[in-house]
Amino acid sequence: MSNSEVTSDIEEKGYTVITYEEEVEFAYTLPDDDEPKVTERDLTLIWEDTVEKFIEEYGTEKPYKVNSFKLEHHYNFFVNQVEERTDALIEDVQEEIANKTKFGFDFSGQLHNDD
């Protein structure tokens, strides 16, 4: 469902979740460098208010999606999926920053050889 759908049509379908994409910045500073660094990632976020409030906040140009569910457990499953993807992305960024902090660069190899 896109930005052009009428709000009254949305409300009749039961459970709805408004999602939108946002570029989020994760700031960090390396131990040997005083200059802050930034890693950016795109996240799917959940808007917890009405479509009208979303448009009031972001205007009509910001894309959003209205996900409608007839059953509460489908709604809950969808919300949990979005939250799990967000948590996984945050963990990946934390690991990336930890590797840069520990090694001074983005380390992704093995620390030792088990051969």
N, C-alpha and C. Protein backbone atom coordinates (compact mmCIF):
# COMPACT_ATOMS: atom_id res chain seq x y z
N MET A 1 0.85 -1.16 0.00
CA MET A 1 0.00 0.00 0.00
C MET A 1 0.91 1.23 0.00
N SER A 2 0.61 2.20 -0.80
CA SER A 2 1.48 3.34 -0.96
C SER A 2 0.90 4.61 -0.36
N ASN A 3 1.63 5.70 -0.55
CA ASN A 3 1.22 6.99 0.00
C ASN A 3 -0.14 7.45 -0.49
N SER A 4 -0.60 6.98 -1.63
CA SER A 4 -1.82 7.51 -2.23
C SER A 4 -3.10 6.87 -1.70
N GLU A 5 -3.00 5.87 -0.83
CA GLU A 5 -4.21 5.20 -0.33
C GLU A 5 -4.95 6.07 0.66
N VAL A 6 -6.25 6.01 0.60
CA VAL A 6 -7.10 6.80 1.48
C VAL A 6 -7.06 6.21 2.89
N THR A 7 -6.93 7.05 3.89
CA THR A 7 -6.80 6.61 5.27
C THR A 7 -8.01 5.82 5.76
N SER A 8 -9.21 6.21 5.39
CA SER A 8 -10.40 5.50 5.87
C SER A 8 -10.41 4.06 5.37
N ASP A 9 -9.87 3.80 4.17
CA ASP A 9 -9.75 2.43 3.66
C ASP A 9 -8.78 1.62 4.50
N ILE A 10 -7.73 2.24 4.97
CA ILE A 10 -6.72 1.56 5.78
C ILE A 10 -7.30 1.10 7.11
N GLU A 11 -8.04 1.97 7.77
CA GLU A 11 -8.52 1.70 9.11
C GLU A 11 -9.51 0.54 9.16
N GLU A 12 -10.17 0.20 8.05
CA GLU A 12 -11.15 -0.87 8.04
C GLU A 12 -10.53 -2.26 7.99
N LYS A 13 -9.23 -2.38 7.76
CA LYS A 13 -8.60 -3.68 7.54
C LYS A 13 -8.10 -4.34 8.82
N GLY A 14 -8.31 -3.79 9.96
CA GLY A 14 -7.88 -4.43 11.20
C GLY A 14 -6.61 -3.82 11.75
N TYR A 15 -5.54 -4.59 11.74
CA TYR A 15 -4.25 -4.16 12.29
C TYR A 15 -3.38 -3.57 11.19
N THR A 16 -2.83 -2.39 11.44
CA THR A 16 -1.96 -1.76 10.45
C THR A 16 -0.64 -1.34 11.08
N VAL A 17 0.38 -1.37 10.25
CA VAL A 17 1.71 -0.92 10.65
C VAL A 17 2.23 -0.03 9.53
N ILE A 18 2.65 1.15 9.87
CA ILE A 18 3.24 2.06 8.89
C ILE A 18 4.75 1.92 9.02
N THR A 19 5.41 1.61 7.90
CA THR A 19 6.87 1.49 7.90
C THR A 19 7.45 2.49 6.91
N TYR A 20 8.69 2.87 7.16
CA TYR A 20 9.40 3.77 6.26
C TYR A 20 10.89 3.51 6.40
N GLU A 21 11.64 3.91 5.38
CA GLU A 21 13.09 3.74 5.38
C GLU A 21 13.75 5.02 5.87
N GLU A 22 14.79 4.83 6.66
CA GLU A 22 15.53 5.98 7.18
C GLU A 22 17.02 5.62 7.19
N GLU A 23 17.83 6.57 6.77
CA GLU A 23 19.27 6.37 6.86
C GLU A 23 19.71 6.81 8.26
N VAL A 24 20.32 5.87 8.98
CA VAL A 24 20.71 6.11 10.36
C VAL A 24 22.23 6.16 10.43
N GLU A 25 22.75 7.11 11.19
CA GLU A 25 24.19 7.25 11.35
C GLU A 25 24.62 6.70 12.71
N PHE A 26 25.69 5.90 12.69
CA PHE A 26 26.30 5.38 13.91
C PHE A 26 27.66 6.06 14.04
N ALA A 27 27.81 6.88 15.06
CA ALA A 27 29.05 7.64 15.26
C ALA A 27 29.96 6.92 16.24
N TYR A 28 31.27 6.98 15.96
CA TYR A 28 32.27 6.37 16.84
C TYR A 28 33.60 7.08 16.64
N THR A 29 34.51 6.90 17.59
CA THR A 29 35.85 7.47 17.50
C THR A 29 36.85 6.37 17.78
N LEU A 30 37.83 6.22 16.90
CA LEU A 30 38.88 5.22 17.08
C LEU A 30 39.83 5.68 18.18
N PRO A 31 40.44 4.75 18.90
CA PRO A 31 41.31 5.11 20.03
C PRO A 31 42.48 6.03 19.65
N ASP A 32 43.10 5.83 18.49
CA ASP A 32 44.26 6.62 18.10
C ASP A 32 43.90 7.81 17.22
N ASP A 33 42.60 8.10 17.11
CA ASP A 33 42.15 9.17 16.23
C ASP A 33 41.08 9.98 16.97
N ASP A 34 41.32 11.27 17.10
CA ASP A 34 40.37 12.13 17.81
C ASP A 34 39.18 12.54 16.95
N GLU A 35 39.29 12.29 15.65
CA GLU A 35 38.22 12.71 14.74
C GLU A 35 37.10 11.65 14.72
N PRO A 36 35.87 12.07 14.98
CA PRO A 36 34.75 11.12 14.96
C PRO A 36 34.52 10.55 13.55
N LYS A 37 34.13 9.30 13.51
CA LYS A 37 33.80 8.59 12.27
C LYS A 37 32.30 8.28 12.29
N VAL A 38 31.75 8.03 11.11
CA VAL A 38 30.33 7.72 11.00
C VAL A 38 30.14 6.56 10.04
N THR A 39 29.31 5.61 10.44
CA THR A 39 28.88 4.52 9.57
C THR A 39 27.39 4.69 9.37
N GLU A 40 26.96 4.66 8.11
CA GLU A 40 25.54 4.86 7.81
C GLU A 40 24.92 3.55 7.34
N ARG A 41 23.67 3.34 7.73
CA ARG A 41 22.90 2.16 7.31
C ARG A 41 21.45 2.57 7.08
N ASP A 42 20.81 1.88 6.17
CA ASP A 42 19.38 2.08 5.94
C ASP A 42 18.60 1.12 6.83
N LEU A 43 17.66 1.67 7.56
CA LEU A 43 16.82 0.87 8.44
C LEU A 43 15.36 1.02 8.07
N THR A 44 14.61 -0.05 8.24
CA THR A 44 13.16 0.04 8.14
C THR A 44 12.64 0.33 9.54
N LEU A 45 11.93 1.43 9.67
CA LEU A 45 11.42 1.84 10.97
C LEU A 45 9.90 1.78 10.97
N ILE A 46 9.34 1.63 12.14
CA ILE A 46 7.89 1.58 12.32
C ILE A 46 7.41 2.92 12.85
N TRP A 47 6.43 3.49 12.18
CA TRP A 47 5.81 4.74 12.63
C TRP A 47 4.65 4.34 13.53
N GLU A 48 4.65 4.82 14.76
CA GLU A 48 3.67 4.37 15.74
C GLU A 48 2.50 5.33 15.92
N ASP A 49 2.23 6.13 14.90
CA ASP A 49 1.11 7.04 14.96
C ASP A 49 0.33 6.91 13.66
N THR A 50 -0.52 7.85 13.37
CA THR A 50 -1.38 7.79 12.19
C THR A 50 -0.64 8.24 10.93
N VAL A 51 -1.23 7.92 9.78
CA VAL A 51 -0.69 8.38 8.51
C VAL A 51 -0.69 9.90 8.46
N GLU A 52 -1.75 10.50 8.99
CA GLU A 52 -1.82 11.97 9.00
C GLU A 52 -0.66 12.58 9.77
N LYS A 53 -0.32 11.99 10.91
CA LYS A 53 0.80 12.50 11.71
C LYS A 53 2.13 12.28 10.98
N PHE A 54 2.25 11.15 10.26
CA PHE A 54 3.46 10.90 9.47
C PHE A 54 3.63 11.98 8.41
N ILE A 55 2.55 12.27 7.69
CA ILE A 55 2.60 13.29 6.63
C ILE A 55 2.86 14.66 7.23
N GLU A 56 2.29 14.91 8.39
CA GLU A 56 2.54 16.18 9.09
C GLU A 56 4.02 16.32 9.44
N GLU A 57 4.64 15.21 9.86
CA GLU A 57 6.05 15.22 10.26
C GLU A 57 7.01 15.27 9.07
N TYR A 58 6.76 14.44 8.04
CA TYR A 58 7.70 14.28 6.94
C TYR A 58 7.24 14.88 5.61
N GLY A 59 5.99 15.25 5.51
CA GLY A 59 5.47 15.76 4.24
C GLY A 59 5.05 14.62 3.33
N THR A 60 4.59 14.97 2.15
CA THR A 60 4.07 13.96 1.23
C THR A 60 5.15 13.32 0.37
N GLU A 61 6.36 13.84 0.40
CA GLU A 61 7.44 13.31 -0.44
C GLU A 61 8.13 12.09 0.16
N LYS A 62 8.08 11.93 1.47
CA LYS A 62 8.76 10.80 2.13
C LYS A 62 7.93 9.54 1.91
N PRO A 63 8.52 8.51 1.28
CA PRO A 63 7.77 7.28 1.04
C PRO A 63 7.51 6.50 2.33
N TYR A 64 6.37 5.90 2.39
CA TYR A 64 6.02 5.01 3.49
C TYR A 64 5.16 3.89 2.96
N LYS A 65 5.00 2.87 3.77
CA LYS A 65 4.18 1.74 3.37
C LYS A 65 3.25 1.39 4.52
N VAL A 66 2.00 1.14 4.21
CA VAL A 66 1.04 0.72 5.22
C VAL A 66 0.82 -0.78 5.03
N ASN A 67 1.17 -1.55 6.05
CA ASN A 67 1.02 -3.00 6.03
C ASN A 67 -0.21 -3.34 6.85
N SER A 68 -1.18 -4.00 6.24
CA SER A 68 -2.44 -4.31 6.91
C SER A 68 -2.56 -5.81 7.16
N PHE A 69 -3.10 -6.13 8.32
CA PHE A 69 -3.27 -7.53 8.73
C PHE A 69 -4.65 -7.70 9.35
N LYS A 70 -5.31 -8.79 8.99
CA LYS A 70 -6.62 -9.08 9.57
C LYS A 70 -6.49 -9.73 10.94
N LEU A 71 -5.40 -10.46 11.16
CA LEU A 71 -5.21 -11.18 12.42
C LEU A 71 -4.07 -10.56 13.24
N GLU A 72 -4.28 -10.50 14.53
CA GLU A 72 -3.30 -9.89 15.42
C GLU A 72 -1.97 -10.62 15.39
N HIS A 73 -1.98 -11.96 15.31
CA HIS A 73 -0.70 -12.67 15.33
C HIS A 73 0.11 -12.43 14.06
N HIS A 74 -0.54 -12.15 12.92
CA HIS A 74 0.19 -11.77 11.71
C HIS A 74 0.83 -10.40 11.89
N TYR A 75 0.08 -9.50 12.50
CA TYR A 75 0.58 -8.17 12.82
C TYR A 75 1.80 -8.27 13.74
N ASN A 76 1.68 -9.05 14.82
CA ASN A 76 2.78 -9.21 15.77
C ASN A 76 3.99 -9.84 15.13
N PHE A 77 3.78 -10.83 14.26
CA PHE A 77 4.88 -11.49 13.55
C PHE A 77 5.64 -10.49 12.69
N PHE A 78 4.91 -9.66 11.96
CA PHE A 78 5.53 -8.65 11.10
C PHE A 78 6.36 -7.66 11.93
N VAL A 79 5.78 -7.15 13.00
CA VAL A 79 6.49 -6.20 13.86
C VAL A 79 7.75 -6.84 14.43
N ASN A 80 7.66 -8.09 14.87
CA ASN A 80 8.83 -8.79 15.40
C ASN A 80 9.91 -8.96 14.34
N GLN A 81 9.51 -9.24 13.09
CA GLN A 81 10.49 -9.37 12.01
C GLN A 81 11.23 -8.06 11.79
N VAL A 82 10.52 -6.96 11.75
CA VAL A 82 11.15 -5.66 11.57
C VAL A 82 12.11 -5.37 12.72
N GLU A 83 11.69 -5.64 13.94
CA GLU A 83 12.54 -5.41 15.10
C GLU A 83 13.77 -6.31 15.09
N GLU A 84 13.62 -7.57 14.69
CA GLU A 84 14.75 -8.49 14.63
C GLU A 84 15.76 -8.05 13.57
N ARG A 85 15.29 -7.59 12.41
CA ARG A 85 16.20 -7.09 11.37
C ARG A 85 16.95 -5.86 11.88
N THR A 86 16.26 -4.99 12.59
CA THR A 86 16.89 -3.80 13.15
C THR A 86 17.95 -4.20 14.17
N ASP A 87 17.63 -5.12 15.07
CA ASP A 87 18.59 -5.57 16.08
C ASP A 87 19.80 -6.22 15.43
N ALA A 88 19.59 -7.04 14.39
CA ALA A 88 20.69 -7.70 13.70
C ALA A 88 21.60 -6.68 13.02
N LEU A 89 21.01 -5.66 12.41
CA LEU A 89 21.81 -4.63 11.77
C LEU A 89 22.64 -3.86 12.79
N ILE A 90 22.04 -3.54 13.92
CA ILE A 90 22.76 -2.83 14.98
C ILE A 90 23.91 -3.68 15.49
N GLU A 91 23.69 -4.98 15.68
CA GLU A 91 24.77 -5.87 16.12
C GLU A 91 25.89 -5.93 15.09
N ASP A 92 25.55 -5.97 13.79
CA ASP A 92 26.57 -5.97 12.74
C ASP A 92 27.40 -4.69 12.79
N VAL A 93 26.74 -3.56 12.96
CA VAL A 93 27.46 -2.28 13.03
C VAL A 93 28.35 -2.24 14.27
N GLN A 94 27.85 -2.73 15.39
CA GLN A 94 28.66 -2.76 16.61
C GLN A 94 29.90 -3.63 16.41
N GLU A 95 29.74 -4.77 15.75
CA GLU A 95 30.88 -5.65 15.48
C GLU A 95 31.87 -4.98 14.53
N GLU A 96 31.34 -4.32 13.50
CA GLU A 96 32.22 -3.61 12.57
C GLU A 96 33.02 -2.52 13.28
N ILE A 97 32.35 -1.76 14.13
CA ILE A 97 33.04 -0.71 14.88
C ILE A 97 34.05 -1.31 15.85
N ALA A 98 33.70 -2.41 16.51
CA ALA A 98 34.64 -3.08 17.43
C ALA A 98 35.87 -3.56 16.68
N ASN A 99 35.70 -4.12 15.49
CA ASN A 99 36.84 -4.58 14.70
C ASN A 99 37.72 -3.41 14.28
N LYS A 100 37.11 -2.30 13.90
CA LYS A 100 37.89 -1.12 13.53
C LYS A 100 38.63 -0.57 14.74
N THR A 101 38.00 -0.60 15.89
CA THR A 101 38.61 -0.10 17.12
C THR A 101 39.77 -0.99 17.54
N LYS A 102 39.60 -2.29 17.43
CA LYS A 102 40.62 -3.25 17.86
C LYS A 102 41.80 -3.29 16.90
N PHE A 103 41.52 -3.30 15.60
CA PHE A 103 42.57 -3.50 14.61
C PHE A 103 42.95 -2.23 13.85
N GLY A 104 42.20 -1.17 14.01
CA GLY A 104 42.49 0.07 13.30
C GLY A 104 41.94 0.09 11.89
N PHE A 105 41.29 -0.97 11.49
CA PHE A 105 40.65 -1.07 10.17
C PHE A 105 39.54 -2.10 10.29
N ASP A 106 38.78 -2.27 9.23
CA ASP A 106 37.65 -3.20 9.25
C ASP A 106 38.16 -4.62 9.06
N PHE A 107 38.43 -5.33 10.13
CA PHE A 107 38.96 -6.69 10.09
C PHE A 107 37.81 -7.68 9.99
N SER A 108 37.92 -8.59 9.01
CA SER A 108 36.86 -9.59 8.86
C SER A 108 37.40 -10.99 8.63
N GLY A 109 38.69 -11.20 8.85
CA GLY A 109 39.30 -12.51 8.62
C GLY A 109 39.42 -13.33 9.89
N GLN A 110 40.14 -14.45 9.78
CA GLN A 110 40.38 -15.30 10.95
C GLN A 110 41.55 -14.76 11.76
N LEU A 111 41.49 -14.94 13.06
CA LEU A 111 42.59 -14.53 13.91
C LEU A 111 43.71 -15.56 13.93
N HIS A 112 43.41 -16.81 13.66
CA HIS A 112 44.41 -17.86 13.64
C HIS A 112 43.99 -18.93 12.65
N ASN A 113 44.93 -19.78 12.32
CA ASN A 113 44.66 -20.85 11.37
C ASN A 113 44.57 -22.17 12.14
N ASP A 114 43.45 -22.87 12.00
CA ASP A 114 43.24 -24.12 12.73
C ASP A 114 43.82 -25.33 12.03
N ASP A 115 44.50 -25.15 10.90
CA ASP A 115 45.05 -26.29 10.14
C ASP A 115 46.12 -27.03 10.89
